[in-house]
C-alpha atoms as a PDB file:
ATOM      1  CA  MET A   1      40.577  28.591   3.715  1.00  0.00           C
ATOM      2  CA  ARG A   2      40.402  30.332   7.772  1.00  0.00           C
ATOM      3  CA  CYS A   3      38.465  32.661   9.687  1.00  0.00           C
ATOM      4  CA  THR A   4      39.620  33.801  12.831  1.00  0.00           C
ATOM      5  CA  GLY A   5      38.384  37.482  14.887  1.00  0.00           C
ATOM      6  CA  GLY A   6      37.265  38.553  17.858  1.00  0.00           C
ATOM      7  CA  ARG A   7      33.781  37.289  16.715  1.00  0.00           C
ATOM      8  CA  ASN A   8      35.583  34.145  16.366  1.00  0.00           C
ATOM      9  CA  ALA A   9      38.153  33.673  18.949  1.00  0.00           C
ATOM     10  CA  HIS A  10      38.467  29.742  20.390  1.00  0.00           C
ATOM     11  CA  LEU A  11      42.196  30.793  22.217  1.00  0.00           C
ATOM     12  CA  ILE A  12      43.891  33.728  20.526  1.00  0.00           C
ATOM     13  CA  LEU A  13      42.322  36.968  21.560  1.00  0.00           C
ATOM     14  CA  TYR A  14      42.286  38.738  18.337  1.00  0.00           C
ATOM     15  CA  GLU A  15      41.341  42.448  17.536  1.00  0.00           C
ATOM     16  CA  ALA A  16      39.462  42.680  14.177  1.00  0.00           C
ATOM     17  CA  PRO A  17      37.285  41.187  14.890  1.00  0.00           C
ATOM     18  CA  LEU A  18      36.293  38.857  12.152  1.00  0.00           C
ATOM     19  CA  GLU A  19      39.479  38.063   8.823  1.00  0.00           C
ATOM     20  CA  THR A  20      40.061  35.522   6.042  1.00  0.00           C
ATOM     21  CA  ALA A  21      42.426  34.453   4.401  1.00  0.00           C
ATOM     22  CA  VAL A  22      44.043  31.678   2.339  1.00  0.00           C
ATOM     23  CA  LEU A  23      45.672  28.520   4.439  1.00  0.00           C
ATOM     24  CA  PHE A  24      45.295  26.227   1.111  1.00  0.00           C
ATOM     25  CA  GLY A  25      43.950  24.761  -1.141  1.00  0.00           C
ATOM     26  CA  ILE A  26      42.670  20.189  -2.458  1.00  0.00           C
ATOM     27  CA  ARG A  27      43.049  19.306  -5.663  1.00  0.00           C
ATOM     28  CA  ALA A  28      40.973  16.281  -6.694  1.00  0.00           C
ATOM     29  CA  ASP A  29      44.043  13.684  -5.447  1.00  0.00           C
ATOM     30  CA  ALA A  30      44.378  15.124  -2.043  1.00  0.00           C
ATOM     31  CA  SER A  31      47.161  16.874  -3.163  1.00  0.00           C
ATOM     32  CA  VAL A  32      47.743  19.764  -1.271  1.00  0.00           C
ATOM     33  CA  VAL A  33      48.999  22.954  -2.990  1.00  0.00           C
ATOM     34  CA  PRO A  34      49.863  26.646  -1.167  1.00  0.00           C
ATOM     35  CA  PRO A  35      48.507  29.589  -1.306  1.00  0.00           C
ATOM     36  CA  GLU A  36      50.975  31.163  -4.611  1.00  0.00           C
ATOM     37  CA  LYS A  37      49.456  29.386  -6.770  1.00  0.00           C
ATOM     38  CA  LEU A  38      45.560  29.607  -6.537  1.00  0.00           C
ATOM     39  CA  ASP A  39      43.582  31.763  -8.176  1.00  0.00           C
ATOM     40  CA  LEU A  40      42.472  33.837  -4.784  1.00  0.00           C
ATOM     41  CA  MET A  41      39.664  35.664  -6.529  1.00  0.00           C
ATOM     42  CA  GLY A  42      40.529  38.454  -4.641  1.00  0.00           C
ATOM     43  CA  VAL A  43      40.569  36.437  -1.273  1.00  0.00           C
ATOM     44  CA  PRO A  44      43.959  37.375   1.066  1.00  0.00           C
ATOM     45  CA  PRO A  45      46.186  35.277   1.598  1.00  0.00           C
ATOM     46  CA  ALA A  46      47.549  33.959   5.062  1.00  0.00           C
ATOM     47  CA  ARG A  47      50.536  36.770   5.308  1.00  0.00           C
ATOM     48  CA  LEU A  48      53.737  35.553   4.228  1.00  0.00           C
ATOM     49  CA  LEU A  49      56.334  35.646   6.718  1.00  0.00           C
ATOM     50  CA  GLY A  50      59.681  34.072   5.384  1.00  0.00           C
ATOM     51  CA  GLU A  51      60.876  31.206   3.044  1.00  0.00           C
ATOM     52  CA  LEU A  52      63.386  29.233   3.081  1.00  0.00           C
ATOM     53  CA  GLU A  53      66.469  28.901   1.380  1.00  0.00           C
ATOM     54  CA  ALA A  54      69.091  25.668   0.157  1.00  0.00           C
ATOM     55  CA  GLY A  55      71.219  25.066   2.928  1.00  0.00           C
ATOM     56  CA  GLN A  56      69.549  27.189   5.147  1.00  0.00           C
ATOM     57  CA  ASP A  57      69.095  24.726   8.556  1.00  0.00           C
ATOM     58  CA  PRO A  58      65.100  24.217   8.894  1.00  0.00           C
ATOM     59  CA  VAL A  59      64.842  23.272  13.100  1.00  0.00           C
ATOM     60  CA  ALA A  60      66.939  26.165  14.551  1.00  0.00           C
ATOM     61  CA  LYS A  61      64.367  28.521  11.684  1.00  0.00           C
ATOM     62  CA  TYR A  62      61.505  26.625  12.750  1.00  0.00           C
ATOM     63  CA  ALA A  63      63.132  27.227  16.854  1.00  0.00           C
ATOM     64  CA  GLU A  64      63.454  30.883  15.903  1.00  0.00           C
ATOM     65  CA  MET A  65      59.959  31.798  14.913  1.00  0.00           C
ATOM     66  CA  ARG A  66      58.643  29.332  17.878  1.00  0.00           C
ATOM     67  CA  ALA A  67      60.174  31.965  20.297  1.00  0.00           C
ATOM     68  CA  SER A  68      59.882  34.721  18.083  1.00  0.00           C
ATOM     69  CA  MET A  69      55.680  34.167  19.155  1.00  0.00           C
ATOM     70  CA  GLU A  70      56.187  33.451  22.292  1.00  0.00           C
ATOM     71  CA  LYS A  71      58.140  36.022  23.457  1.00  0.00           C
ATOM     72  CA  GLN A  72      55.060  38.329  21.550  1.00  0.00           C
ATOM     73  CA  ASN A  73      52.129  35.989  23.643  1.00  0.00           C
ATOM     74  CA  ARG A  74      50.636  37.330  26.141  1.00  0.00           C
ATOM     75  CA  PRO A  75      48.352  36.455  29.123  1.00  0.00           C
ATOM     76  CA  ALA A  76      44.046  37.867  28.266  1.00  0.00           C
ATOM     77  CA  GLU A  77      40.672  37.690  29.688  1.00  0.00           C
ATOM     78  CA  ASP A  78      38.982  34.702  29.843  1.00  0.00           C
ATOM     79  CA  ASP A  79      41.918  32.212  29.544  1.00  0.00           C
ATOM     80  CA  LYS A  80      43.038  34.140  26.034  1.00  0.00           C
ATOM     81  CA  ILE A  81      46.155  34.519  24.472  1.00  0.00           C
ATOM     82  CA  SER A  82      47.223  37.818  22.533  1.00  0.00           C
ATOM     83  CA  GLY A  83      49.632  36.877  20.295  1.00  0.00           C
ATOM     84  CA  THR A  84      49.636  34.953  17.814  1.00  0.00           C
ATOM     85  CA  GLU A  85      48.193  30.726  17.227  1.00  0.00           C
ATOM     86  CA  GLY A  86      51.319  30.446  15.099  1.00  0.00           C
ATOM     87  CA  THR A  87      52.488  29.781  12.173  1.00  0.00           C
ATOM     88  CA  VAL A  88      51.919  27.183   8.713  1.00  0.00           C
ATOM     89  CA  TRP A  89      54.800  25.917   6.707  1.00  0.00           C
ATOM     90  CA  TYR A  90      54.559  24.521   3.623  1.00  0.00           C
ATOM     91  CA  SER A  91      57.705  21.519   2.503  1.00  0.00           C
ATOM     92  CA  GLU A  92      58.023  21.002  -1.259  1.00  0.00           C
ATOM     93  CA  THR A  93      59.520  17.722  -1.929  1.00  0.00           C
ATOM     94  CA  PRO A  94      61.789  18.221  -5.539  1.00  0.00           C
ATOM     95  CA  LYS A  95      59.414  16.611  -7.274  1.00  0.00           C
ATOM     96  CA  GLY A  96      56.755  19.686  -6.094  1.00  0.00           C
ATOM     97  CA  LYS A  97      54.677  17.719  -3.345  1.00  0.00           C
ATOM     98  CA  ILE A  98      53.361  19.592  -0.722  1.00  0.00           C
ATOM     99  CA  SER A  99      53.035  18.744   3.106  1.00  0.00           C
ATOM    100  CA  MET A 100      52.181  20.878   5.766  1.00  0.00           C
ATOM    101  CA  TRP A 101      53.594  22.041   9.770  1.00  0.00           C
ATOM    102  CA  LYS A 102      52.107  23.975  12.109  1.00  0.00           C
ATOM    103  CA  CYS A 103      54.828  25.778  14.482  1.00  0.00           C
ATOM    104  CA  LYS A 104      52.513  26.678  17.667  1.00  0.00           C
ATOM    105  CA  PRO A 105      54.765  29.232  20.758  1.00  0.00           C
ATOM    106  CA  GLU A 106      55.540  27.206  23.607  1.00  0.00           C
ATOM    107  CA  SER A 107      52.197  28.603  24.528  1.00  0.00           C
ATOM    108  CA  VAL A 108      49.815  27.540  23.008  1.00  0.00           C
ATOM    109  CA  GLU A 109      51.172  24.140  22.113  1.00  0.00           C
ATOM    110  CA  ALA A 110      50.775  23.785  26.746  1.00  0.00           C
ATOM    111  CA  ILE A 111      47.400  24.896  26.048  1.00  0.00           C
ATOM    112  CA  HIS A 112      46.094  22.200  23.052  1.00  0.00           C
ATOM    113  CA  TRP A 113      48.090  19.098  25.436  1.00  0.00           C
ATOM    114  CA  ALA A 114      46.504  19.979  28.035  1.00  0.00           C
ATOM    115  CA  ALA A 115      43.498  20.280  26.903  1.00  0.00           C
ATOM    116  CA  GLY A 116      42.794  17.094  24.386  1.00  0.00           C
ATOM    117  CA  ILE A 117      39.600  17.058  22.765  1.00  0.00           C
ATOM    118  CA  ASN A 118      36.862  18.016  24.196  1.00  0.00           C
ATOM    119  CA  LYS A 119      33.497  18.395  23.616  1.00  0.00           C
ATOM    120  CA  GLU A 120      34.435  22.192  23.405  1.00  0.00           C
ATOM    121  CA  ALA A 121      37.042  22.021  21.479  1.00  0.00           C
ATOM    122  CA  VAL A 122      34.890  19.483  19.012  1.00  0.00           C
ATOM    123  CA  ARG A 123      31.688  22.009  19.198  1.00  0.00           C
ATOM    124  CA  ALA A 124      34.282  24.766  17.639  1.00  0.00           C
ATOM    125  CA  THR A 125      35.380  22.982  15.431  1.00  0.00           C
ATOM    126  CA  CYS A 126      32.007  21.886  13.801  1.00  0.00           C
ATOM    127  CA  TRP A 127      31.165  26.022  13.652  1.00  0.00           C
ATOM    128  CA  ASN A 128      34.113  26.736  12.424  1.00  0.00           C
ATOM    129  CA  TYR A 129      32.918  24.635   9.801  1.00  0.00           C
ATOM    130  CA  LEU A 130      29.892  25.338   9.612  1.00  0.00           C
ATOM    131  CA  GLU A 131      31.988  28.789   8.162  1.00  0.00           C
ATOM    132  CA  SER A 132      32.978  27.496   4.760  1.00  0.00           C
ATOM    133  CA  GLY A 133      30.707  24.109   4.470  1.00  0.00           C
ATOM    134  CA  ASP A 134      27.235  23.011   5.229  1.00  0.00           C
ATOM    135  CA  ASN A 135      27.337  19.048   5.368  1.00  0.00           C
ATOM    136  CA  LEU A 136      28.573  18.643   8.682  1.00  0.00           C
ATOM    137  CA  THR A 137      29.412  14.978   9.351  1.00  0.00           C
ATOM    138  CA  TYR A 138      31.700  13.330  11.192  1.00  0.00           C
ATOM    139  CA  ASP A 139      33.471  12.246   8.187  1.00  0.00           C
ATOM    140  CA  THR A 140      32.652  16.136   6.738  1.00  0.00           C
ATOM    141  CA  LEU A 141      34.514  17.126  10.309  1.00  0.00           C
ATOM    142  CA  LEU A 142      37.550  14.784  10.402  1.00  0.00           C
ATOM    143  CA  PRO A 143      40.222  17.159   8.596  1.00  0.00           C
ATOM    144  CA  LEU A 144      39.623  19.805  10.677  1.00  0.00           C
ATOM    145  CA  LEU A 145      40.293  17.497  13.780  1.00  0.00           C
ATOM    146  CA  LEU A 146      43.366  16.147  12.474  1.00  0.00           C
ATOM    147  CA  GLU A 147      44.551  18.908  11.831  1.00  0.00           C
ATOM    148  CA  GLU A 148      45.391  18.784  16.227  1.00  0.00           C
ATOM    149  CA  TYR A 149      44.530  15.648  17.570  1.00  0.00           C
ATOM    150  CA  ASP A 150      46.171  11.970  17.094  1.00  0.00           C
ATOM    151  CA  PRO A 151      43.806   9.929  15.146  1.00  0.00           C
ATOM    152  CA  HIS A 152      44.218   7.159  17.938  1.00  0.00           C
ATOM    153  CA  ASP A 153      41.782  10.220  20.478  1.00  0.00           C
ATOM    154  CA  ILE A 154      39.453  11.104  17.579  1.00  0.00           C
ATOM    155  CA  GLU A 155      38.291   7.607  17.216  1.00  0.00           C
ATOM    156  CA  ARG A 156      38.050   6.754  20.758  1.00  0.00           C
ATOM    157  CA  PHE A 157      35.684  10.064  21.515  1.00  0.00           C
ATOM    158  CA  ARG A 158      34.001   9.894  18.212  1.00  0.00           C
ATOM    159  CA  GLY A 159      30.791   9.348  20.473  1.00  0.00           C
ATOM    160  CA  HIS A 160      30.681  12.282  22.234  1.00  0.00           C
ATOM    161  CA  ILE A 161      31.949  13.788  19.056  1.00  0.00           C
ATOM    162  CA  GLU A 162      28.508  12.590  17.380  1.00  0.00           C
ATOM    163  CA  GLU A 163      27.082  13.685  19.846  1.00  0.00           C
ATOM    164  CA  CYS A 164      28.268  17.448  19.726  1.00  0.00           C
ATOM    165  CA  ILE A 165      27.578  17.324  16.072  1.00  0.00           C
ATOM    166  CA  GLY A 166      23.749  16.023  17.000  1.00  0.00           C
ATOM    167  CA  GLN A 167      23.701  19.331  19.669  1.00  0.00           C
ATOM    168  CA  VAL A 168      25.305  22.051  16.598  1.00  0.00           C
ATOM    169  CA  ARG A 169      22.974  21.182  13.577  1.00  0.00           C
ATOM    170  CA  VAL A 170      20.030  21.670  17.014  1.00  0.00           C
ATOM    171  CA  GLU A 171      21.776  25.136  16.918  1.00  0.00           C
ATOM    172  CA  LEU A 172      22.432  25.763  13.781  1.00  0.00           C
ATOM    173  CA  GLU A 173      18.300  24.846  12.706  1.00  0.00           C
ATOM    174  CA  PHE A 174      17.515  26.823  16.060  1.00  0.00           C
ATOM    175  CA  LYS A 175      19.522  30.341  14.797  1.00  0.00           C
ATOM    176  CA  GLU A 176      18.203  29.680  11.191  1.00  0.00           C
ATOM    177  CA  GLY A 177      14.575  29.951  11.932  1.00  0.00           C
ATOM    178  CA  VAL A 178      14.806  33.632  14.486  1.00  0.00           C
ATOM    179  CA  LEU A 179      16.678  35.202  11.875  1.00  0.00           C
ATOM    180  CA  ALA A 180      14.653  33.952   9.263  1.00  0.00           C
ATOM    181  CA  GLN A 181      12.012  34.976  11.680  1.00  0.00           C
ATOM    182  CA  TYR A 182      13.513  38.550  11.954  1.00  0.00           C
ATOM    183  CA  ASP A 183      14.190  38.766   9.253  1.00  0.00           C
ATOM    184  CA  SER A 184      10.431  38.584   8.107  1.00  0.00           C
ATOM    185  CA  LEU A 185       9.385  40.988  10.112  1.00  0.00           C
ATOM    186  CA  PRO A 186       7.700  44.156   8.201  1.00  0.00           C
ATOM    187  CA  ALA A 187      10.186  46.441   7.124  1.00  0.00           C
ATOM    188  CA  GLY A 188      11.624  49.250   9.229  1.00  0.00           C
ATOM    189  CA  LEU A 189      11.726  47.021  12.289  1.00  0.00           C
ATOM    190  CA  SER A 190      15.445  47.434  13.573  1.00  0.00           C
ATOM    191  CA  ILE A 191      16.102  45.176  16.539  1.00  0.00           C
ATOM    192  CA  LEU A 192      18.531  48.256  16.335  1.00  0.00           C
ATOM    193  CA  THR A 193      16.418  50.967  17.384  1.00  0.00           C
ATOM    194  CA  ASP A 194      12.750  48.403  17.892  1.00  0.00           C
ATOM    195  CA  LYS A 195      14.210  46.013  20.392  1.00  0.00           C
ATOM    196  CA  GLY A 196      10.793  46.076  22.421  1.00  0.00           C
ATOM    197  CA  ALA A 197       8.404  45.308  18.769  1.00  0.00           C
ATOM    198  CA  VAL A 198      10.390  42.788  17.256  1.00  0.00           C
ATOM    199  CA  MET A 199      10.445  41.013  20.456  1.00  0.00           C
ATOM    200  CA  ARG A 200       7.060  40.805  21.212  1.00  0.00           C
ATOM    201  CA  LEU A 201       6.594  39.692  17.720  1.00  0.00           C
ATOM    202  CA  LEU A 202       9.123  37.385  17.772  1.00  0.00           C
ATOM    203  CA  SER A 203       7.742  35.935  20.872  1.00  0.00           C
ATOM    204  CA  ARG A 204       5.112  34.346  18.880  1.00  0.00           C
ATOM    205  CA  HIS A 205       7.895  32.521  18.244  1.00  0.00           C
ATOM    206  CA  PHE A 206      10.357  31.379  20.423  1.00  0.00           C
ATOM    207  CA  GLY A 207       9.291  30.464  24.053  1.00  0.00           C
ATOM    208  CA  ASN A 208      10.261  33.068  27.378  1.00  0.00           C
ATOM    209  CA  HIS A 209      12.832  31.307  27.956  1.00  0.00           C
ATOM    210  CA  ASN A 210      14.634  31.692  24.339  1.00  0.00           C
ATOM    211  CA  MET A 211      14.401  35.293  23.998  1.00  0.00           C
ATOM    212  CA  ARG A 212      17.073  35.757  26.069  1.00  0.00           C
ATOM    213  CA  LYS A 213      19.036  33.156  23.069  1.00  0.00           C
ATOM    214  CA  VAL A 214      17.533  34.791  20.566  1.00  0.00           C
ATOM    215  CA  PHE A 215      18.263  38.360  21.276  1.00  0.00           C
ATOM    216  CA  SER A 216      21.694  37.442  20.768  1.00  0.00           C
ATOM    217  CA  ILE A 217      21.316  35.697  17.516  1.00  0.00           C
ATOM    218  CA  ILE A 218      19.380  38.517  16.302  1.00  0.00           C
ATOM    219  CA  LEU A 219      22.348  40.633  17.672  1.00  0.00           C
ATOM    220  CA  ASN A 220      25.073  39.254  16.971  1.00  0.00           C
ATOM    221  CA  ASN A 221      24.107  38.331  12.939  1.00  0.00           C
ATOM    222  CA  ARG A 222      21.545  41.854  11.867  1.00  0.00           C
ATOM    223  CA  GLY A 223      23.035  43.950  14.716  1.00  0.00           C
ATOM    224  CA  LYS A 224      24.257  46.447  11.776  1.00  0.00           C
ATOM    225  CA  LYS A 225      20.553  46.174   9.598  1.00  0.00           C
END
């Protein structure tokens, strides 16, 4: 499952605030299951863009789709791209084994190759993991990192990765503490209608230097409350 959208933008400038789609499932033996063979329980699958029939040239189709996506992409604000990040291909062997391949437009691939593995990318991947998991460790993060980076580069960067994991854990703990305090405020108090009162009460628990951050966390996570 993957979440994308304006609230979760890393590279692509998405129009929707937040969307969820199933990309694949994993069996106990680590084999991949495509969305059409899963019980999705109401969660939408990633949109199917096409299927290759026997005899079609996969290399030519790959190049065609890559060029089509690149034609749609446009530069956007904050060094982001308006358009699409890419597609996932599901390749099935005669024995039914599924492997997945990414097809990215040239503009997206160029950014990924130029950036390489770095702390900002690792931190973004940590938060991406926390959207569906709650046990953030090097081992649980590794499968997501392997989708983008070479195993040797990841291992060489391991010290920095573990440092990023520690930082994200601290930030997550702070975020959860802020939301817990906000949710415990007297009934009827809202950050939208009673900002002054809310912030005065919360300032008893968080230092003045953190109050801007406190406000941002509440607004982003409880702004409709």
